[in-house]
PDB file of N, CA and C in Angstrom:
ATOM      1  N   MET A   1      -0.834 124.947 140.254  1.00  0.00           N
ATOM      2  CA  MET A   1      -0.586 124.821 139.041  1.00  0.00           C
ATOM      3  C   MET A   1      -0.512 123.202 138.583  1.00  0.00           C
ATOM      4  N   PRO A   2      -0.940 122.775 137.494  1.00  0.00           N
ATOM      5  CA  PRO A   2      -0.890 121.846 136.802  1.00  0.00           C
ATOM      6  C   PRO A   2       0.817 121.463 136.296  1.00  0.00           C
ATOM      7  N   PRO A   3       1.047 120.208 135.964  1.00  0.00           N
ATOM      8  CA  PRO A   3       2.613 120.045 135.660  1.00  0.00           C
ATOM      9  C   PRO A   3       2.516 120.240 134.295  1.00  0.00           C
ATOM     10  N   GLY A   4       3.478 120.770 133.837  1.00  0.00           N
ATOM     11  CA  GLY A   4       3.853 121.017 132.382  1.00  0.00           C
ATOM     12  C   GLY A   4       3.228 122.588 132.038  1.00  0.00           C
ATOM     13  N   PHE A   5       2.652 123.501 133.207  1.00  0.00           N
ATOM     14  CA  PHE A   5       2.059 124.678 132.777  1.00  0.00           C
ATOM     15  C   PHE A   5       2.946 125.598 132.450  1.00  0.00           C
ATOM     16  N   ASP A   6       4.330 125.636 133.228  1.00  0.00           N
ATOM     17  CA  ASP A   6       5.224 126.577 132.917  1.00  0.00           C
ATOM     18  C   ASP A   6       5.690 126.628 131.714  1.00  0.00           C
ATOM     19  N   LEU A   7       6.062 125.280 131.296  1.00  0.00           N
ATOM     20  CA  LEU A   7       6.403 125.307 129.880  1.00  0.00           C
ATOM     21  C   LEU A   7       5.698 125.859 128.604  1.00  0.00           C
ATOM     22  N   ILE A   8       4.495 125.422 128.708  1.00  0.00           N
ATOM     23  CA  ILE A   8       3.071 126.225 127.977  1.00  0.00           C
ATOM     24  C   ILE A   8       3.378 127.632 127.970  1.00  0.00           C
ATOM     25  N   LEU A   9       3.493 128.099 129.178  1.00  0.00           N
ATOM     26  CA  LEU A   9       3.629 129.426 129.395  1.00  0.00           C
ATOM     27  C   LEU A   9       4.783 130.125 128.823  1.00  0.00           C
ATOM     28  N   MET A  10       5.660 129.611 128.794  1.00  0.00           N
ATOM     29  CA  MET A  10       6.853 129.761 128.199  1.00  0.00           C
ATOM     30  C   MET A  10       7.260 129.701 126.784  1.00  0.00           C
ATOM     31  N   VAL A  11       6.187 128.990 126.250  1.00  0.00           N
ATOM     32  CA  VAL A  11       6.275 128.828 124.726  1.00  0.00           C
ATOM     33  C   VAL A  11       5.112 130.157 124.355  1.00  0.00           C
ATOM     34  N   VAL A  12       4.305 130.243 124.936  1.00  0.00           N
ATOM     35  CA  VAL A  12       3.175 131.338 124.767  1.00  0.00           C
ATOM     36  C   VAL A  12       4.010 132.567 124.917  1.00  0.00           C
ATOM     37  N   LEU A  13       4.791 132.925 125.850  1.00  0.00           N
ATOM     38  CA  LEU A  13       5.363 134.247 126.087  1.00  0.00           C
ATOM     39  C   LEU A  13       6.221 134.518 125.037  1.00  0.00           C
ATOM     40  N   PHE A  14       7.219 133.357 124.502  1.00  0.00           N
ATOM     41  CA  PHE A  14       8.300 133.427 123.516  1.00  0.00           C
ATOM     42  C   PHE A  14       7.459 133.856 122.237  1.00  0.00           C
ATOM     43  N   GLY A  15       6.410 133.024 121.812  1.00  0.00           N
ATOM     44  CA  GLY A  15       5.541 133.489 120.774  1.00  0.00           C
ATOM     45  C   GLY A  15       5.047 134.718 120.611  1.00  0.00           C
ATOM     46  N   ALA A  16       4.931 135.470 121.901  1.00  0.00           N
ATOM     47  CA  ALA A  16       4.163 136.624 121.718  1.00  0.00           C
ATOM     48  C   ALA A  16       5.417 137.762 121.658  1.00  0.00           C
ATOM     49  N   ILE A  17       6.499 137.341 121.907  1.00  0.00           N
ATOM     50  CA  ILE A  17       7.859 138.198 121.699  1.00  0.00           C
ATOM     51  C   ILE A  17       8.277 138.260 120.475  1.00  0.00           C
ATOM     52  N   VAL A  18       8.367 137.164 119.849  1.00  0.00           N
ATOM     53  CA  VAL A  18       8.730 136.934 118.415  1.00  0.00           C
ATOM     54  C   VAL A  18       7.581 137.900 117.499  1.00  0.00           C
ATOM     55  N   TYR A  19       6.333 137.720 117.955  1.00  0.00           N
ATOM     56  CA  TYR A  19       5.448 138.495 117.113  1.00  0.00           C
ATOM     57  C   TYR A  19       5.625 139.725 117.168  1.00  0.00           C
ATOM     58  N   PHE A  20       5.749 140.386 118.359  1.00  0.00           N
ATOM     59  CA  PHE A  20       5.676 141.797 118.720  1.00  0.00           C
ATOM     60  C   PHE A  20       7.101 142.347 118.229  1.00  0.00           C
ATOM     61  N   MET A  21       8.209 141.678 118.220  1.00  0.00           N
ATOM     62  CA  MET A  21       9.740 142.184 117.853  1.00  0.00           C
ATOM     63  C   MET A  21       9.909 141.965 116.413  1.00  0.00           C
ATOM     64  N   MET A  22       9.442 140.818 115.659  1.00  0.00           N
ATOM     65  CA  MET A  22       9.830 140.700 114.492  1.00  0.00           C
ATOM     66  C   MET A  22       8.571 140.844 113.533  1.00  0.00           C
ATOM     67  N   ILE A  23       7.751 140.185 113.488  1.00  0.00           N
ATOM     68  CA  ILE A  23       6.700 139.872 112.645  1.00  0.00           C
ATOM     69  C   ILE A  23       5.988 141.281 112.327  1.00  0.00           C
ATOM     70  N   ARG A  24       5.497 141.619 113.577  1.00  0.00           N
ATOM     71  CA  ARG A  24       4.465 143.213 113.218  1.00  0.00           C
ATOM     72  C   ARG A  24       5.157 144.050 112.961  1.00  0.00           C
ATOM     73  N   PRO A  25       6.562 144.518 113.017  1.00  0.00           N
ATOM     74  CA  PRO A  25       7.483 145.374 112.610  1.00  0.00           C
ATOM     75  C   PRO A  25       7.291 145.477 110.896  1.00  0.00           C
ATOM     76  N   GLN A  26       7.899 144.009 110.562  1.00  0.00           N
ATOM     77  CA  GLN A  26       7.967 143.729 109.136  1.00  0.00           C
ATOM     78  C   GLN A  26       6.706 143.838 108.438  1.00  0.00           C
ATOM     79  N   GLN A  27       5.421 143.725 109.313  1.00  0.00           N
ATOM     80  CA  GLN A  27       4.277 143.974 108.411  1.00  0.00           C
ATOM     81  C   GLN A  27       3.750 145.219 108.336  1.00  0.00           C
ATOM     82  N   LYS A  28       4.258 146.002 109.200  1.00  0.00           N
ATOM     83  CA  LYS A  28       4.320 147.735 109.213  1.00  0.00           C
ATOM     84  C   LYS A  28       5.194 148.306 107.900  1.00  0.00           C
ATOM     85  N   ARG A  29       6.302 147.688 107.820  1.00  0.00           N
ATOM     86  CA  ARG A  29       7.188 148.022 106.815  1.00  0.00           C
ATOM     87  C   ARG A  29       6.251 147.698 105.235  1.00  0.00           C
ATOM     88  N   MET A  30       6.053 146.655 105.346  1.00  0.00           N
ATOM     89  CA  MET A  30       5.527 146.029 104.003  1.00  0.00           C
ATOM     90  C   MET A  30       4.228 146.975 103.484  1.00  0.00           C
ATOM     91  N   ARG A  31       3.416 147.312 104.550  1.00  0.00           N
ATOM     92  CA  ARG A  31       2.324 148.222 104.703  1.00  0.00           C
ATOM     93  C   ARG A  31       2.856 149.475 104.063  1.00  0.00           C
ATOM     94  N   GLU A  32       3.884 150.101 104.530  1.00  0.00           N
ATOM     95  CA  GLU A  32       4.268 151.410 104.238  1.00  0.00           C
ATOM     96  C   GLU A  32       4.815 151.294 102.679  1.00  0.00           C
ATOM     97  N   HIS A  33       5.459 150.559 102.639  1.00  0.00           N
ATOM     98  CA  HIS A  33       5.932 150.056 100.907  1.00  0.00           C
ATOM     99  C   HIS A  33       4.880 150.059 100.173  1.00  0.00           C
ATOM    100  N   GLN A  34       3.716 149.136 100.543  1.00  0.00           N
ATOM    101  CA  GLN A  34       2.746 149.174  99.650  1.00  0.00           C
ATOM    102  C   GLN A  34       1.907 150.676  99.404  1.00  0.00           C
ATOM    103  N   ASP A  35       2.025 151.213 100.335  1.00  0.00           N
ATOM    104  CA  ASP A  35       1.361 152.434 100.368  1.00  0.00           C
ATOM    105  C   ASP A  35       2.077 153.507  99.208  1.00  0.00           C
ATOM    106  N   MET A  36       3.544 153.525  99.477  1.00  0.00           N
ATOM    107  CA  MET A  36       4.561 154.186  98.723  1.00  0.00           C
ATOM    108  C   MET A  36       4.049 153.942  97.477  1.00  0.00           C
ATOM    109  N   LEU A  37       4.245 152.720  97.209  1.00  0.00           N
ATOM    110  CA  LEU A  37       3.953 152.180  95.703  1.00  0.00           C
ATOM    111  C   LEU A  37       2.701 152.529  95.123  1.00  0.00           C
ATOM    112  N   SER A  38       1.705 152.621  95.643  1.00  0.00           N
ATOM    113  CA  SER A  38       0.302 153.005  95.402  1.00  0.00           C
ATOM    114  C   SER A  38       0.395 154.412  94.815  1.00  0.00           C
ATOM    115  N   GLN A  39       1.192 155.193  95.578  1.00  0.00           N
ATOM    116  CA  GLN A  39       1.430 156.919  95.380  1.00  0.00           C
ATOM    117  C   GLN A  39       2.275 157.428  94.192  1.00  0.00           C
ATOM    118  N   LEU A  40       2.762 156.223  93.460  1.00  0.00           N
ATOM    119  CA  LEU A  40       3.819 156.615  92.488  1.00  0.00           C
ATOM    120  C   LEU A  40       2.907 157.072  91.298  1.00  0.00           C
ATOM    121  N   ALA A  41       3.864 158.044  90.439  1.00  0.00           N
ATOM    122  CA  ALA A  41       3.096 158.661  89.267  1.00  0.00           C
ATOM    123  C   ALA A  41       4.332 159.164  88.529  1.00  0.00           C
ATOM    124  N   PRO A  42       4.114 159.071  87.190  1.00  0.00           N
ATOM    125  CA  PRO A  42       4.937 159.562  86.311  1.00  0.00           C
ATOM    126  C   PRO A  42       5.588 160.717  86.782  1.00  0.00           C
ATOM    127  N   GLY A  43       7.105 160.782  86.613  1.00  0.00           N
ATOM    128  CA  GLY A  43       7.850 162.208  86.794  1.00  0.00           C
ATOM    129  C   GLY A  43       8.419 161.983  88.470  1.00  0.00           C
ATOM    130  N   THR A  44       8.233 161.124  89.119  1.00  0.00           N
ATOM    131  CA  THR A  44       8.473 160.537  90.522  1.00  0.00           C
ATOM    132  C   THR A  44      10.065 160.466  90.212  1.00  0.00           C
ATOM    133  N   ARG A  45      10.995 161.032  91.328  1.00  0.00           N
ATOM    134  CA  ARG A  45      12.487 160.256  91.142  1.00  0.00           C
ATOM    135  C   ARG A  45      12.460 159.075  92.224  1.00  0.00           C
ATOM    136  N   VAL A  46      13.071 158.042  91.633  1.00  0.00           N
ATOM    137  CA  VAL A  46      12.976 156.642  92.768  1.00  0.00           C
ATOM    138  C   VAL A  46      14.529 156.511  92.812  1.00  0.00           C
ATOM    139  N   ARG A  47      14.553 155.492  93.858  1.00  0.00           N
ATOM    140  CA  ARG A  47      15.876 154.656  94.084  1.00  0.00           C
ATOM    141  C   ARG A  47      15.387 153.186  93.593  1.00  0.00           C
ATOM    142  N   LEU A  48      16.125 152.630  92.864  1.00  0.00           N
ATOM    143  CA  LEU A  48      16.152 151.146  92.491  1.00  0.00           C
ATOM    144  C   LEU A  48      16.890 150.185  93.699  1.00  0.00           C
ATOM    145  N   THR A  49      16.477 149.060  93.879  1.00  0.00           N
ATOM    146  CA  THR A  49      17.156 148.158  94.812  1.00  0.00           C
ATOM    147  C   THR A  49      18.743 147.906  94.300  1.00  0.00           C
ATOM    148  N   SER A  50      18.935 148.451  93.398  1.00  0.00           N
ATOM    149  CA  SER A  50      20.390 148.131  92.808  1.00  0.00           C
ATOM    150  C   SER A  50      21.248 149.569  93.066  1.00  0.00           C
ATOM    151  N   GLY A  51      20.540 150.567  93.532  1.00  0.00           N
ATOM    152  CA  GLY A  51      21.478 151.804  94.041  1.00  0.00           C
ATOM    153  C   GLY A  51      21.197 152.819  92.579  1.00  0.00           C
ATOM    154  N   ILE A  52      20.340 152.478  91.703  1.00  0.00           N
ATOM    155  CA  ILE A  52      20.531 153.322  90.345  1.00  0.00           C
ATOM    156  C   ILE A  52      18.962 154.528  90.692  1.00  0.00           C
ATOM    157  N   TYR A  53      19.352 155.860  90.767  1.00  0.00           N
ATOM    158  CA  TYR A  53      18.282 156.265  90.783  1.00  0.00           C
ATOM    159  C   TYR A  53      17.643 156.802  89.400  1.00  0.00           C
ATOM    160  N   ALA A  54      16.286 156.764  89.377  1.00  0.00           N
ATOM    161  CA  ALA A  54      15.673 157.069  88.101  1.00  0.00           C
ATOM    162  C   ALA A  54      14.727 157.830  88.000  1.00  0.00           C
ATOM    163  N   THR A  55      13.689 158.083  87.028  1.00  0.00           N
ATOM    164  CA  THR A  55      12.700 159.029  86.912  1.00  0.00           C
ATOM    165  C   THR A  55      11.625 158.154  86.078  1.00  0.00           C
ATOM    166  N   LEU A  56      10.384 158.044  86.725  1.00  0.00           N
ATOM    167  CA  LEU A  56       9.639 157.154  86.263  1.00  0.00           C
ATOM    168  C   LEU A  56       8.689 157.986  85.060  1.00  0.00           C
ATOM    169  N   LEU A  57       8.514 156.952  83.983  1.00  0.00           N
ATOM    170  CA  LEU A  57       7.830 157.905  82.877  1.00  0.00           C
ATOM    171  C   LEU A  57       6.288 156.903  82.935  1.00  0.00           C
ATOM    172  N   HIS A  58       6.175 155.852  83.083  1.00  0.00           N
ATOM    173  CA  HIS A  58       4.921 154.895  82.962  1.00  0.00           C
ATOM    174  C   HIS A  58       4.876 154.186  84.254  1.00  0.00           C
ATOM    175  N   VAL A  59       3.795 154.227  84.800  1.00  0.00           N
ATOM    176  CA  VAL A  59       3.859 153.534  85.929  1.00  0.00           C
ATOM    177  C   VAL A  59       2.083 152.653  85.736  1.00  0.00           C
ATOM    178  N   GLY A  60       2.657 151.174  85.675  1.00  0.00           N
ATOM    179  CA  GLY A  60       1.525 150.104  85.666  1.00  0.00           C
ATOM    180  C   GLY A  60       1.340 149.360  86.937  1.00  0.00           C
ATOM    181  N   GLU A  61       0.418 148.185  86.636  1.00  0.00           N
ATOM    182  CA  GLU A  61       0.114 147.675  88.051  1.00  0.00           C
ATOM    183  C   GLU A  61       1.105 147.018  88.593  1.00  0.00           C
ATOM    184  N   ARG A  62       2.107 146.063  88.022  1.00  0.00           N
ATOM    185  CA  ARG A  62       3.363 145.521  88.541  1.00  0.00           C
ATOM    186  C   ARG A  62       4.526 145.946  88.107  1.00  0.00           C
ATOM    187  N   GLN A  63       4.955 146.875  86.910  1.00  0.00           N
ATOM    188  CA  GLN A  63       6.022 147.351  86.394  1.00  0.00           C
ATOM    189  C   GLN A  63       5.928 148.625  86.442  1.00  0.00           C
ATOM    190  N   VAL A  64       7.113 149.365  86.128  1.00  0.00           N
ATOM    191  CA  VAL A  64       7.275 150.794  85.683  1.00  0.00           C
ATOM    192  C   VAL A  64       8.416 150.761  84.697  1.00  0.00           C
ATOM    193  N   ILE A  65       8.431 151.824  83.845  1.00  0.00           N
ATOM    194  CA  ILE A  65       9.202 152.355  82.570  1.00  0.00           C
ATOM    195  C   ILE A  65       9.783 153.523  83.622  1.00  0.00           C
ATOM    196  N   ALA A  66      11.188 153.340  83.863  1.00  0.00           N
ATOM    197  CA  ALA A  66      11.944 154.415  84.353  1.00  0.00           C
ATOM    198  C   ALA A  66      13.115 154.811  83.347  1.00  0.00           C
ATOM    199  N   GLU A  67      13.436 156.049  83.237  1.00  0.00           N
ATOM    200  CA  GLU A  67      14.604 156.701  82.706  1.00  0.00           C
ATOM    201  C   GLU A  67      15.752 157.140  83.910  1.00  0.00           C
ATOM    202  N   ILE A  68      16.645 155.932  83.483  1.00  0.00           N
ATOM    203  CA  ILE A  68      17.861 156.032  84.441  1.00  0.00           C
ATOM    204  C   ILE A  68      19.000 157.099  83.792  1.00  0.00           C
ATOM    205  N   ALA A  69      18.956 157.366  82.524  1.00  0.00           N
ATOM    206  CA  ALA A  69      19.613 158.405  81.734  1.00  0.00           C
ATOM    207  C   ALA A  69      18.834 159.084  80.753  1.00  0.00           C
ATOM    208  N   PRO A  70      19.420 160.652  80.305  1.00  0.00           N
ATOM    209  CA  PRO A  70      18.517 160.737  79.251  1.00  0.00           C
ATOM    210  C   PRO A  70      18.408 159.967  78.019  1.00  0.00           C
ATOM    211  N   GLY A  71      16.995 159.384  77.614  1.00  0.00           N
ATOM    212  CA  GLY A  71      17.154 158.606  76.481  1.00  0.00           C
ATOM    213  C   GLY A  71      17.338 157.001  76.857  1.00  0.00           C
ATOM    214  N   VAL A  72      17.712 156.670  78.252  1.00  0.00           N
ATOM    215  CA  VAL A  72      17.749 155.314  78.524  1.00  0.00           C
ATOM    216  C   VAL A  72      16.686 155.006  79.312  1.00  0.00           C
ATOM    217  N   GLU A  73      15.712 154.092  78.804  1.00  0.00           N
ATOM    218  CA  GLU A  73      14.490 153.662  79.465  1.00  0.00           C
ATOM    219  C   GLU A  73      14.655 151.973  80.138  1.00  0.00           C
ATOM    220  N   VAL A  74      14.228 151.809  80.968  1.00  0.00           N
ATOM    221  CA  VAL A  74      14.102 150.185  81.558  1.00  0.00           C
ATOM    222  C   VAL A  74      13.203 149.951  81.958  1.00  0.00           C
ATOM    223  N   THR A  75      12.253 148.651  81.846  1.00  0.00           N
ATOM    224  CA  THR A  75      11.231 148.357  82.610  1.00  0.00           C
ATOM    225  C   THR A  75      11.599 147.790  83.869  1.00  0.00           C
ATOM    226  N   VAL A  76      11.090 148.119  84.968  1.00  0.00           N
ATOM    227  CA  VAL A  76      11.530 147.441  86.688  1.00  0.00           C
ATOM    228  C   VAL A  76      10.288 147.218  87.177  1.00  0.00           C
ATOM    229  N   ASP A  77      10.316 145.951  87.670  1.00  0.00           N
ATOM    230  CA  ASP A  77       9.222 145.669  88.647  1.00  0.00           C
ATOM    231  C   ASP A  77       9.280 146.250  89.728  1.00  0.00           C
ATOM    232  N   LYS A  78       8.030 146.709  90.187  1.00  0.00           N
ATOM    233  CA  LYS A  78       7.607 147.677  91.061  1.00  0.00           C
ATOM    234  C   LYS A  78       8.110 147.213  92.405  1.00  0.00           C
ATOM    235  N   THR A  79       8.466 145.903  92.785  1.00  0.00           N
ATOM    236  CA  THR A  79       9.171 145.450  93.856  1.00  0.00           C
ATOM    237  C   THR A  79      10.124 145.732  94.099  1.00  0.00           C
ATOM    238  N   HIS A  80      10.841 145.897  93.051  1.00  0.00           N
ATOM    239  CA  HIS A  80      12.727 146.837  92.998  1.00  0.00           C
ATOM    240  C   HIS A  80      12.480 148.224  93.504  1.00  0.00           C
ATOM    241  N   LEU A  81      11.444 148.759  93.673  1.00  0.00           N
ATOM    242  CA  LEU A  81      11.546 150.427  94.084  1.00  0.00           C
ATOM    243  C   LEU A  81      11.921 150.394  95.236  1.00  0.00           C
ATOM    244  N   VAL A  82      12.687 150.996  95.703  1.00  0.00           N
ATOM    245  CA  VAL A  82      13.051 151.243  97.535  1.00  0.00           C
ATOM    246  C   VAL A  82      12.252 152.476  97.989  1.00  0.00           C
ATOM    247  N   GLY A  83      12.058 153.608  97.137  1.00  0.00           N
ATOM    248  CA  GLY A  83      11.379 154.436  97.657  1.00  0.00           C
ATOM    249  C   GLY A  83      11.352 155.661  96.699  1.00  0.00           C
ATOM    250  N   ALA A  84      10.562 156.755  96.783  1.00  0.00           N
ATOM    251  CA  ALA A  84      10.879 157.965  96.377  1.00  0.00           C
ATOM    252  C   ALA A  84      11.822 158.905  96.846  1.00  0.00           C
ATOM    253  N   VAL A  85      12.620 159.727  95.930  1.00  0.00           N
ATOM    254  CA  VAL A  85      13.604 160.083  96.496  1.00  0.00           C
ATOM    255  C   VAL A  85      13.324 161.804  96.218  1.00  0.00           C
ATOM    256  N   THR A  86      13.708 162.537  97.440  1.00  0.00           N
ATOM    257  CA  THR A  86      13.356 163.757  97.721  1.00  0.00           C
ATOM    258  C   THR A  86      14.778 164.622  97.391  1.00  0.00           C
ATOM    259  N   ALA A  87      14.467 165.995  96.895  1.00  0.00           N
ATOM    260  CA  ALA A  87      15.519 166.797  96.503  1.00  0.00           C
ATOM    261  C   ALA A  87      16.936 166.825  97.588  1.00  0.00           C
ATOM    262  N   ASP A  88      16.775 166.543  99.134  1.00  0.00           N
ATOM    263  CA  ASP A  88      17.582 166.812  99.850  1.00  0.00           C
ATOM    264  C   ASP A  88      18.260 165.221 100.183  1.00  0.00           C
ATOM    265  N   GLN A  89      17.700 164.084  99.761  1.00  0.00           N
ATOM    266  CA  GLN A  89      18.608 163.077  99.585  1.00  0.00           C
ATOM    267  C   GLN A  89      19.487 162.805  98.531  1.00  0.00           C
ATOM    268  N   GLU A  90      19.298 163.579  97.368  1.00  0.00           N
ATOM    269  CA  GLU A  90      20.384 163.384  96.324  1.00  0.00           C
ATOM    270  C   GLU A  90      21.591 164.148  96.389  1.00  0.00           C
ATOM    271  N   GLU A  91      22.664 163.585  96.142  1.00  0.00           N
ATOM    272  CA  GLU A  91      24.076 164.433  96.463  1.00  0.00           C
ATOM    273  C   GLU A  91      24.055 165.020  94.788  1.00  0.00           C
ATOM    274  N   PHE A  92      23.550 164.747  93.735  1.00  0.00           N
ATOM    275  CA  PHE A  92      24.058 165.615  92.373  1.00  0.00           C
ATOM    276  C   PHE A  92      22.794 165.956  91.928  1.00  0.00           C
ATOM    277  N   GLU A  93      22.517 167.358  91.441  1.00  0.00           N
ATOM    278  CA  GLU A  93      21.330 167.716  90.893  1.00  0.00           C
ATOM    279  C   GLU A  93      21.131 166.964  89.330  1.00  0.00           C
ATOM    280  N   TYR A  94      19.805 166.582  89.311  1.00  0.00           N
ATOM    281  CA  TYR A  94      19.591 165.792  88.099  1.00  0.00           C
ATOM    282  C   TYR A  94      18.781 166.844  87.224  1.00  0.00           C
ATOM    283  N   GLU A  95      19.043 167.207  85.883  1.00  0.00           N
ATOM    284  CA  GLU A  95      18.163 168.060  85.153  1.00  0.00           C
ATOM    285  C   GLU A  95      18.087 167.370  83.664  1.00  0.00           C
ATOM    286  N   GLY A  96      18.316 166.158  83.847  1.00  0.00           N
ATOM    287  CA  GLY A  96      18.111 165.429  82.493  1.00  0.00           C
ATOM    288  C   GLY A  96      19.311 165.807  81.861  1.00  0.00           C
ATOM    289  N   GLU A  97      19.425 166.253  80.478  1.00  0.00           N
ATOM    290  CA  GLU A  97      20.719 166.588  79.936  1.00  0.00           C
ATOM    291  C   GLU A  97      21.575 167.439  80.632  1.00  0.00           C
ATOM    292  N   SER A  98      22.794 167.133  80.763  1.00  0.00           N
ATOM    293  CA  SER A  98      24.040 168.037  81.362  1.00  0.00           C
ATOM    294  C   SER A  98      24.609 168.633  80.571  1.00  0.00           C
ATOM    295  N   SER A  99      24.870 169.928  80.606  1.00  0.00           N
ATOM    296  CA  SER A  99      25.459 171.380  79.570  1.00  0.00           C
ATOM    297  C   SER A  99      26.858 170.923  79.676  1.00  0.00           C
ATOM    298  N   GLU A 100      27.122 170.387  80.840  1.00  0.00           N
ATOM    299  CA  GLU A 100      28.623 170.481  81.003  1.00  0.00           C
ATOM    300  C   GLU A 100      29.525 169.264  80.193  1.00  0.00           C
ATOM    301  N   ALA A 101      28.932 168.230  79.799  1.00  0.00           N
ATOM    302  CA  ALA A 101      29.223 167.124  79.155  1.00  0.00           C
ATOM    303  C   ALA A 101      29.495 167.563  77.430  1.00  0.00           C
ATOM    304  N   GLU A 102      30.353 167.359  76.973  1.00  0.00           N
ATOM    305  CA  GLU A 102      30.806 167.694  75.827  1.00  0.00           C
ATOM    306  C   GLU A 102      30.232 166.445  74.895  1.00  0.00           C
ATOM    307  N   GLU A 103      29.430 166.459  73.693  1.00  0.00           N
ATOM    308  CA  GLU A 103      29.112 165.697  73.050  1.00  0.00           C
ATOM    309  C   GLU A 103      29.652 165.771  71.444  1.00  0.00           C
ATOM    310  N   PRO A 104      29.958 164.697  71.024  1.00  0.00           N
ATOM    311  CA  PRO A 104      30.708 164.883  69.472  1.00  0.00           C
ATOM    312  C   PRO A 104      29.835 165.574  68.517  1.00  0.00           C
ATOM    313  N   SER A 105      30.104 166.581  67.946  1.00  0.00           N
ATOM    314  CA  SER A 105      29.285 167.086  66.696  1.00  0.00           C
ATOM    315  C   SER A 105      29.215 166.010  65.794  1.00  0.00           C
ATOM    316  N   ASP A 106      28.064 166.319  64.813  1.00  0.00           N
ATOM    317  CA  ASP A 106      27.850 165.580  63.842  1.00  0.00           C
ATOM    318  C   ASP A 106      28.706 165.557  62.559  1.00  0.00           C
ATOM    319  N   ASP A 107      29.612 166.764  62.584  1.00  0.00           N
ATOM    320  CA  ASP A 107      30.170 167.130  61.585  1.00  0.00           C
ATOM    321  C   ASP A 107      31.690 166.378  61.719  1.00  0.00           C
ATOM    322  N   GLU A 108      32.162 166.089  62.872  1.00  0.00           N
ATOM    323  CA  GLU A 108      33.298 165.495  62.887  1.00  0.00           C
ATOM    324  C   GLU A 108      32.885 163.854  63.274  1.00  0.00           C
ATOM    325  N   PRO A 109      33.660 163.027  62.565  1.00  0.00           N
ATOM    326  CA  PRO A 109      33.611 161.552  62.774  1.00  0.00           C
ATOM    327  C   PRO A 109      34.632 161.195  63.940  1.00  0.00           C
ATOM    328  N   THR A 110      33.890 160.240  64.971  1.00  0.00           N
ATOM    329  CA  THR A 110      34.795 159.534  65.797  1.00  0.00           C
ATOM    330  C   THR A 110      36.009 158.850  65.169  1.00  0.00           C
ATOM    331  N   VAL A 111      37.006 159.020  65.624  1.00  0.00           N
ATOM    332  CA  VAL A 111      38.412 158.443  64.909  1.00  0.00           C
ATOM    333  C   VAL A 111      38.949 157.388  66.167  1.00  0.00           C
ATOM    334  N   PHE A 112      38.843 156.448  66.125  1.00  0.00           N
ATOM    335  CA  PHE A 112      39.752 155.440  67.088  1.00  0.00           C
ATOM    336  C   PHE A 112      41.359 155.227  66.471  1.00  0.00           C
ATOM    337  N   GLU A 113      42.455 155.453  67.304  1.00  0.00           N
ATOM    338  CA  GLU A 113      43.607 155.518  67.045  1.00  0.00           C
ATOM    339  C   GLU A 113      43.875 154.160  67.338  1.00  0.00           C
ATOM    340  N   PRO A 114      44.987 153.451  66.549  1.00  0.00           N
ATOM    341  CA  PRO A 114      45.336 152.188  66.516  1.00  0.00           C
ATOM    342  C   PRO A 114      46.223 152.114  67.536  1.00  0.00           C
ATOM    343  N   GLN A 115      46.352 150.971  68.453  1.00  0.00           N
ATOM    344  CA  GLN A 115      47.228 150.711  69.233  1.00  0.00           C
ATOM    345  C   GLN A 115      48.866 150.674  68.546  1.00  0.00           C
ATOM    346  N   ASP A 116      50.052 151.214  69.348  1.00  0.00           N
ATOM    347  CA  ASP A 116      51.293 150.939  69.001  1.00  0.00           C
ATOM    348  C   ASP A 116      51.844 149.598  68.749  1.00  0.00           C
ATOM    349  N   GLU A 117      51.515 148.720  69.777  1.00  0.00           N
ATOM    350  CA  GLU A 117      51.636 147.335  69.532  1.00  0.00           C
ATOM    351  C   GLU A 117      50.433 146.498  70.029  1.00  0.00           C
ATOM    352  N   PRO A 118      50.610 145.286  69.349  1.00  0.00           N
ATOM    353  CA  PRO A 118      49.551 144.634  69.397  1.00  0.00           C
ATOM    354  C   PRO A 118      49.639 143.917  71.042  1.00  0.00           C
ATOM    355  N   PRO A 119      48.438 143.143  71.441  1.00  0.00           N
ATOM    356  CA  PRO A 119      48.698 142.673  72.644  1.00  0.00           C
ATOM    357  C   PRO A 119      49.611 141.397  72.849  1.00  0.00           C
ATOM    358  N   ALA A 120      50.333 141.221  73.911  1.00  0.00           N
ATOM    359  CA  ALA A 120      51.084 139.938  74.077  1.00  0.00           C
ATOM    360  C   ALA A 120      50.421 138.758  73.494  1.00  0.00           C
ATOM    361  N   ALA A 121      51.324 137.781  72.931  1.00  0.00           N
ATOM    362  CA  ALA A 121      50.436 136.495  72.465  1.00  0.00           C
ATOM    363  C   ALA A 121      50.359 135.752  73.881  1.00  0.00           C
ATOM    364  N   GLN A 122      49.375 135.167  74.189  1.00  0.00           N
ATOM    365  CA  GLN A 122      49.002 134.134  75.262  1.00  0.00           C
ATOM    366  C   GLN A 122      49.820 132.912  74.861  1.00  0.00           C
ATOM    367  N   ASP A 123      50.587 132.594  76.029  1.00  0.00           N
ATOM    368  CA  ASP A 123      51.170 130.906  75.670  1.00  0.00           C
ATOM    369  C   ASP A 123      50.182 129.744  75.345  1.00  0.00           C
ATOM    370  N   GLU A 124      50.806 129.004  74.555  1.00  0.00           N
ATOM    371  CA  GLU A 124      49.835 127.835  74.209  1.00  0.00           C
ATOM    372  C   GLU A 124      49.766 126.968  75.419  1.00  0.00           C
ATOM    373  N   PRO A 125      48.247 126.195  75.228  1.00  0.00           N
ATOM    374  CA  PRO A 125      47.941 125.642  76.559  1.00  0.00           C
ATOM    375  C   PRO A 125      49.072 124.246  76.378  1.00  0.00           C
ATOM    376  N   ARG A 126      49.546 123.775  77.584  1.00  0.00           N
ATOM    377  CA  ARG A 126      50.108 122.481  77.732  1.00  0.00           C
ATOM    378  C   ARG A 126      49.224 121.289  77.499  1.00  0.00           C
ATOM    379  N   THR A 127      49.900 120.450  76.753  1.00  0.00           N
ATOM    380  CA  THR A 127      49.343 118.950  76.432  1.00  0.00           C
ATOM    381  C   THR A 127      49.776 117.983  77.022  1.00  0.00           C
ATOM    382  N   ASP A 128      51.129 118.104  77.385  1.00  0.00           N
ATOM    383  CA  ASP A 128      51.941 116.822  78.074  1.00  0.00           C
ATOM    384  C   ASP A 128      51.452 116.705  79.580  1.00  0.00           C
ATOM    385  N   ARG A 129      50.149 117.107  79.796  1.00  0.00           N
ATOM    386  CA  ARG A 129      50.049 116.762  81.264  1.00  0.00           C
ATOM    387  C   ARG A 129      49.292 115.387  81.420  1.00  0.00           C
TER     388      ARG A 129
END
């Protein structure tokens, strides 16, 4: 063996280990994520990177319009979608509007009661420093 051959062999071996342990699995995850994004359709339940669950209303090339609550729509970049959510992955049942929550009727105005005491006054800033 010529001198320095073991060093070259070690560098090549280390490069192969890095490729098969880090780079290749990451490329596989990216390919799976791209496939998932291409299969999205309106009505799909998804989870965002922020942890918010949403239902897709419109799907574009780079963005989606997602409904996170009844009547609350947000535009989200597709890269922030973690994946489609199946029924067994959700802890709570989502059916759009909940029948359990009481909504104020249009007949009764919303009344806010005043506080008994005003908040405590803040001390004046010191100017003698």
